[in-house]
Amino acid sequence: MLLAFGLNYLALLTCCLAMARHHRALLGPAPSPGRAALLRGVALTGTALALGVCIHQQGGEVGTVLWLCLLMVSGLVLVALLAWRPRWALPLAAGVPLAGGAIALLGAR
């Protein structure tokens, strides 16, 4: 579940980084049109991977509902971080999916 949360969070963050305001706040200058399109593609891929993880773990019906709930929670966390501590958003985007993947690999044994 942490892996799906992390993937959703990463996807929402990349979607936010495709917008000029958030890109300037976190990374410097506004993104080029090509970079913005790439970030949106990564966001779409991340949400699809998170949906796949949830469906694999919980089945189709429950997995889809779990994915939507995790998407909502990760969005709330991201909005809170962007409003309160914007510089914490990037390290969290790297750490949570890695921690979730490590826990998923260790739990699979």
N, C-alpha and C. Protein backbone atom coordinates (compact mmCIF):
# COMPACT_ATOMS: atom_id res chain seq x y z
N MET A 1 0.82 -1.18 0.00
CA MET A 1 0.00 0.00 0.00
C MET A 1 0.87 1.25 0.00
N LEU A 2 2.01 1.20 0.67
CA LEU A 2 2.91 2.34 0.68
C LEU A 2 3.48 2.60 -0.71
N LEU A 3 3.71 1.54 -1.48
CA LEU A 3 4.20 1.70 -2.84
C LEU A 3 3.17 2.42 -3.71
N ALA A 4 1.91 2.02 -3.60
CA ALA A 4 0.86 2.68 -4.39
C ALA A 4 0.70 4.14 -3.96
N PHE A 5 0.78 4.41 -2.66
CA PHE A 5 0.72 5.79 -2.18
C PHE A 5 1.87 6.60 -2.75
N GLY A 6 3.06 6.03 -2.69
CA GLY A 6 4.24 6.73 -3.20
C GLY A 6 4.16 7.00 -4.69
N LEU A 7 3.66 6.04 -5.45
CA LEU A 7 3.52 6.24 -6.89
C LEU A 7 2.47 7.31 -7.19
N ASN A 8 1.38 7.29 -6.45
CA ASN A 8 0.36 8.34 -6.62
C ASN A 8 0.92 9.71 -6.27
N TYR A 9 1.66 9.79 -5.17
CA TYR A 9 2.25 11.05 -4.76
C TYR A 9 3.24 11.55 -5.82
N LEU A 10 4.08 10.65 -6.30
CA LEU A 10 5.04 11.02 -7.33
C LEU A 10 4.34 11.49 -8.60
N ALA A 11 3.26 10.81 -8.96
CA ALA A 11 2.51 11.19 -10.16
C ALA A 11 1.89 12.58 -9.98
N LEU A 12 1.30 12.83 -8.84
CA LEU A 12 0.70 14.15 -8.62
C LEU A 12 1.75 15.24 -8.55
N LEU A 13 2.91 14.94 -7.99
CA LEU A 13 3.97 15.93 -7.94
C LEU A 13 4.48 16.26 -9.34
N THR A 14 4.65 15.24 -10.17
CA THR A 14 5.11 15.51 -11.53
C THR A 14 4.05 16.29 -12.32
N CYS A 15 2.79 16.03 -12.02
CA CYS A 15 1.72 16.81 -12.66
C CYS A 15 1.80 18.27 -12.19
N CYS A 16 2.07 18.49 -10.92
CA CYS A 16 2.24 19.85 -10.41
C CYS A 16 3.47 20.52 -11.01
N LEU A 17 4.54 19.76 -11.19
CA LEU A 17 5.76 20.33 -11.76
C LEU A 17 5.60 20.70 -13.23
N ALA A 18 4.59 20.16 -13.88
CA ALA A 18 4.32 20.54 -15.26
C ALA A 18 3.73 21.95 -15.34
N MET A 19 3.26 22.46 -14.22
CA MET A 19 2.73 23.83 -14.18
C MET A 19 3.87 24.80 -13.84
N ALA A 20 3.85 25.93 -14.49
CA ALA A 20 4.95 26.89 -14.35
C ALA A 20 5.13 27.37 -12.91
N ARG A 21 4.03 27.62 -12.23
CA ARG A 21 4.12 28.17 -10.86
C ARG A 21 4.87 27.22 -9.92
N HIS A 22 4.49 25.96 -9.92
CA HIS A 22 5.11 24.99 -9.01
C HIS A 22 6.52 24.64 -9.48
N HIS A 23 6.74 24.62 -10.77
CA HIS A 23 8.08 24.32 -11.28
C HIS A 23 9.06 25.42 -10.87
N ARG A 24 8.61 26.67 -10.96
CA ARG A 24 9.47 27.78 -10.53
C ARG A 24 9.72 27.72 -9.03
N ALA A 25 8.72 27.36 -8.26
CA ALA A 25 8.88 27.34 -6.80
C ALA A 25 9.83 26.24 -6.35
N LEU A 26 9.83 25.11 -7.05
CA LEU A 26 10.63 23.98 -6.60
C LEU A 26 11.94 23.79 -7.35
N LEU A 27 11.97 24.11 -8.64
CA LEU A 27 13.14 23.79 -9.45
C LEU A 27 13.79 24.98 -10.14
N GLY A 28 13.19 26.13 -10.10
CA GLY A 28 13.78 27.28 -10.78
C GLY A 28 12.90 27.79 -11.90
N PRO A 29 13.44 27.90 -13.12
CA PRO A 29 12.65 28.49 -14.21
C PRO A 29 11.48 27.61 -14.63
N ALA A 30 10.56 28.22 -15.35
CA ALA A 30 9.37 27.49 -15.82
C ALA A 30 9.79 26.39 -16.79
N PRO A 31 9.03 25.30 -16.84
CA PRO A 31 9.42 24.20 -17.73
C PRO A 31 9.15 24.54 -19.20
N SER A 32 9.98 23.98 -20.06
CA SER A 32 9.73 24.14 -21.49
C SER A 32 8.50 23.32 -21.86
N PRO A 33 7.90 23.58 -23.01
CA PRO A 33 6.73 22.78 -23.40
C PRO A 33 7.03 21.28 -23.52
N GLY A 34 8.21 20.95 -23.98
CA GLY A 34 8.59 19.53 -24.07
C GLY A 34 8.73 18.89 -22.70
N ARG A 35 9.33 19.62 -21.79
CA ARG A 35 9.49 19.10 -20.43
C ARG A 35 8.15 18.96 -19.73
N ALA A 36 7.27 19.92 -19.95
CA ALA A 36 5.93 19.85 -19.34
C ALA A 36 5.17 18.63 -19.87
N ALA A 37 5.30 18.37 -21.17
CA ALA A 37 4.64 17.19 -21.74
C ALA A 37 5.23 15.90 -21.17
N LEU A 38 6.55 15.87 -21.00
CA LEU A 38 7.20 14.70 -20.40
C LEU A 38 6.74 14.49 -18.96
N LEU A 39 6.64 15.56 -18.20
CA LEU A 39 6.18 15.46 -16.82
C LEU A 39 4.74 14.95 -16.75
N ARG A 40 3.90 15.40 -17.66
CA ARG A 40 2.51 14.89 -17.69
C ARG A 40 2.47 13.43 -18.06
N GLY A 41 3.34 13.00 -18.96
CA GLY A 41 3.42 11.58 -19.31
C GLY A 41 3.88 10.73 -18.14
N VAL A 42 4.85 11.22 -17.38
CA VAL A 42 5.31 10.51 -16.19
C VAL A 42 4.18 10.43 -15.16
N ALA A 43 3.41 11.50 -15.03
CA ALA A 43 2.28 11.50 -14.09
C ALA A 43 1.25 10.45 -14.49
N LEU A 44 0.94 10.36 -15.76
CA LEU A 44 -0.01 9.36 -16.23
C LEU A 44 0.51 7.95 -16.00
N THR A 45 1.79 7.74 -16.27
CA THR A 45 2.40 6.43 -16.04
C THR A 45 2.39 6.06 -14.56
N GLY A 46 2.69 7.03 -13.71
CA GLY A 46 2.70 6.77 -12.26
C GLY A 46 1.34 6.39 -11.72
N THR A 47 0.30 7.08 -12.17
CA THR A 47 -1.03 6.73 -11.70
C THR A 47 -1.45 5.36 -12.22
N ALA A 48 -1.07 5.03 -13.45
CA ALA A 48 -1.40 3.72 -14.00
C ALA A 48 -0.67 2.61 -13.25
N LEU A 49 0.59 2.84 -12.90
CA LEU A 49 1.34 1.85 -12.12
C LEU A 49 0.74 1.67 -10.73
N ALA A 50 0.36 2.78 -10.11
CA ALA A 50 -0.26 2.68 -8.79
C ALA A 50 -1.57 1.92 -8.85
N LEU A 51 -2.36 2.15 -9.90
CA LEU A 51 -3.60 1.40 -10.07
C LEU A 51 -3.31 -0.08 -10.26
N GLY A 52 -2.29 -0.39 -11.04
CA GLY A 52 -1.91 -1.78 -11.23
C GLY A 52 -1.47 -2.46 -9.95
N VAL A 53 -0.72 -1.75 -9.12
CA VAL A 53 -0.29 -2.30 -7.83
C VAL A 53 -1.49 -2.58 -6.94
N CYS A 54 -2.42 -1.63 -6.87
CA CYS A 54 -3.61 -1.82 -6.03
C CYS A 54 -4.47 -2.97 -6.52
N ILE A 55 -4.66 -3.08 -7.83
CA ILE A 55 -5.47 -4.17 -8.37
C ILE A 55 -4.77 -5.51 -8.15
N HIS A 56 -3.46 -5.52 -8.28
CA HIS A 56 -2.71 -6.77 -8.05
C HIS A 56 -2.82 -7.21 -6.59
N GLN A 57 -2.78 -6.28 -5.67
CA GLN A 57 -2.82 -6.62 -4.25
C GLN A 57 -4.22 -6.94 -3.75
N GLN A 58 -5.23 -6.21 -4.22
CA GLN A 58 -6.55 -6.31 -3.61
C GLN A 58 -7.64 -6.82 -4.54
N GLY A 59 -7.34 -7.02 -5.81
CA GLY A 59 -8.38 -7.41 -6.75
C GLY A 59 -8.97 -6.18 -7.43
N GLY A 60 -9.82 -6.40 -8.41
CA GLY A 60 -10.33 -5.31 -9.23
C GLY A 60 -11.19 -4.30 -8.52
N GLU A 61 -12.20 -4.75 -7.81
CA GLU A 61 -13.14 -3.82 -7.19
C GLU A 61 -12.52 -3.07 -6.02
N VAL A 62 -11.98 -3.82 -5.07
CA VAL A 62 -11.41 -3.20 -3.87
C VAL A 62 -10.14 -2.43 -4.24
N GLY A 63 -9.35 -2.96 -5.18
CA GLY A 63 -8.13 -2.29 -5.59
C GLY A 63 -8.38 -0.93 -6.22
N THR A 64 -9.43 -0.83 -7.00
CA THR A 64 -9.77 0.46 -7.62
C THR A 64 -10.20 1.48 -6.57
N VAL A 65 -11.00 1.05 -5.62
CA VAL A 65 -11.44 1.95 -4.55
C VAL A 65 -10.24 2.36 -3.69
N LEU A 66 -9.37 1.39 -3.38
CA LEU A 66 -8.17 1.70 -2.60
C LEU A 66 -7.29 2.69 -3.34
N TRP A 67 -7.14 2.50 -4.64
CA TRP A 67 -6.33 3.40 -5.45
C TRP A 67 -6.89 4.82 -5.41
N LEU A 68 -8.20 4.95 -5.55
CA LEU A 68 -8.82 6.28 -5.49
C LEU A 68 -8.63 6.93 -4.13
N CYS A 69 -8.74 6.14 -3.07
CA CYS A 69 -8.52 6.69 -1.72
C CYS A 69 -7.07 7.13 -1.54
N LEU A 70 -6.13 6.31 -2.01
CA LEU A 70 -4.72 6.67 -1.90
C LEU A 70 -4.39 7.89 -2.76
N LEU A 71 -5.04 8.00 -3.90
CA LEU A 71 -4.84 9.16 -4.75
C LEU A 71 -5.32 10.43 -4.05
N MET A 72 -6.45 10.33 -3.37
CA MET A 72 -6.98 11.47 -2.64
C MET A 72 -6.06 11.85 -1.47
N VAL A 73 -5.61 10.86 -0.71
CA VAL A 73 -4.75 11.14 0.44
C VAL A 73 -3.41 11.71 -0.01
N SER A 74 -2.85 11.15 -1.07
CA SER A 74 -1.57 11.67 -1.56
C SER A 74 -1.74 13.10 -2.08
N GLY A 75 -2.87 13.40 -2.68
CA GLY A 75 -3.14 14.76 -3.11
C GLY A 75 -3.24 15.72 -1.94
N LEU A 76 -3.89 15.29 -0.88
CA LEU A 76 -3.99 16.13 0.32
C LEU A 76 -2.62 16.38 0.94
N VAL A 77 -1.79 15.33 0.99
CA VAL A 77 -0.44 15.48 1.53
C VAL A 77 0.37 16.45 0.67
N LEU A 78 0.26 16.29 -0.64
CA LEU A 78 1.01 17.17 -1.54
C LEU A 78 0.55 18.62 -1.42
N VAL A 79 -0.73 18.85 -1.36
CA VAL A 79 -1.24 20.23 -1.22
C VAL A 79 -0.76 20.83 0.09
N ALA A 80 -0.81 20.06 1.17
CA ALA A 80 -0.33 20.56 2.46
C ALA A 80 1.16 20.89 2.41
N LEU A 81 1.93 20.01 1.78
CA LEU A 81 3.37 20.28 1.68
C LEU A 81 3.66 21.48 0.80
N LEU A 82 2.99 21.60 -0.32
CA LEU A 82 3.24 22.74 -1.20
C LEU A 82 2.85 24.06 -0.54
N ALA A 83 1.87 24.03 0.35
CA ALA A 83 1.47 25.25 1.04
C ALA A 83 2.34 25.53 2.26
N TRP A 84 2.79 24.47 2.94
CA TRP A 84 3.47 24.65 4.22
C TRP A 84 4.99 24.58 4.07
N ARG A 85 5.49 23.49 3.50
CA ARG A 85 6.93 23.27 3.32
C ARG A 85 7.21 22.78 1.90
N PRO A 86 7.25 23.66 0.92
CA PRO A 86 7.40 23.21 -0.46
C PRO A 86 8.69 22.46 -0.73
N ARG A 87 9.75 22.75 -0.02
CA ARG A 87 11.02 22.06 -0.26
C ARG A 87 11.02 20.62 0.23
N TRP A 88 10.06 20.23 1.03
CA TRP A 88 9.96 18.84 1.49
C TRP A 88 9.28 17.96 0.45
N ALA A 89 8.64 18.56 -0.54
CA ALA A 89 7.87 17.79 -1.51
C ALA A 89 8.75 16.90 -2.38
N LEU A 90 9.90 17.39 -2.81
CA LEU A 90 10.78 16.60 -3.67
C LEU A 90 11.44 15.43 -2.96
N PRO A 91 12.02 15.60 -1.77
CA PRO A 91 12.60 14.43 -1.10
C PRO A 91 11.57 13.36 -0.76
N LEU A 92 10.37 13.77 -0.42
CA LEU A 92 9.32 12.81 -0.12
C LEU A 92 8.94 12.02 -1.37
N ALA A 93 8.97 12.69 -2.53
CA ALA A 93 8.64 12.01 -3.78
C ALA A 93 9.66 10.95 -4.13
N ALA A 94 10.89 11.11 -3.70
CA ALA A 94 11.91 10.09 -3.95
C ALA A 94 11.88 9.01 -2.88
N GLY A 95 11.64 9.39 -1.64
CA GLY A 95 11.75 8.44 -0.54
C GLY A 95 10.59 7.49 -0.39
N VAL A 96 9.38 7.95 -0.54
CA VAL A 96 8.22 7.10 -0.28
C VAL A 96 8.10 5.96 -1.29
N PRO A 97 8.23 6.20 -2.60
CA PRO A 97 8.16 5.05 -3.52
C PRO A 97 9.29 4.05 -3.31
N LEU A 98 10.49 4.55 -2.99
CA LEU A 98 11.60 3.64 -2.73
C LEU A 98 11.35 2.81 -1.47
N ALA A 99 10.86 3.44 -0.43
CA ALA A 99 10.56 2.71 0.80
C ALA A 99 9.42 1.71 0.56
N GLY A 100 8.41 2.13 -0.17
CA GLY A 100 7.30 1.23 -0.49
C GLY A 100 7.73 0.04 -1.33
N GLY A 101 8.62 0.29 -2.29
CA GLY A 101 9.13 -0.81 -3.10
C GLY A 101 9.98 -1.78 -2.30
N ALA A 102 10.81 -1.23 -1.40
CA ALA A 102 11.63 -2.09 -0.55
C ALA A 102 10.76 -2.93 0.37
N ILE A 103 9.76 -2.34 0.95
CA ILE A 103 8.86 -3.07 1.84
C ILE A 103 8.09 -4.13 1.05
N ALA A 104 7.67 -3.80 -0.16
CA ALA A 104 6.96 -4.77 -1.00
C ALA A 104 7.86 -5.95 -1.36
N LEU A 105 9.11 -5.66 -1.67
CA LEU A 105 10.05 -6.75 -1.99
C LEU A 105 10.35 -7.61 -0.78
N LEU A 106 10.53 -6.99 0.37
CA LEU A 106 10.81 -7.76 1.58
C LEU A 106 9.59 -8.55 2.04
N GLY A 107 8.42 -7.99 1.82
CA GLY A 107 7.19 -8.69 2.22
C GLY A 107 6.83 -9.83 1.29
N ALA A 108 7.37 -9.83 0.08
CA ALA A 108 7.06 -10.88 -0.89
C ALA A 108 7.78 -12.18 -0.56
N ARG A 109 8.78 -12.14 0.27
CA ARG A 109 9.54 -13.35 0.61
C ARG A 109 8.89 -14.15 1.66
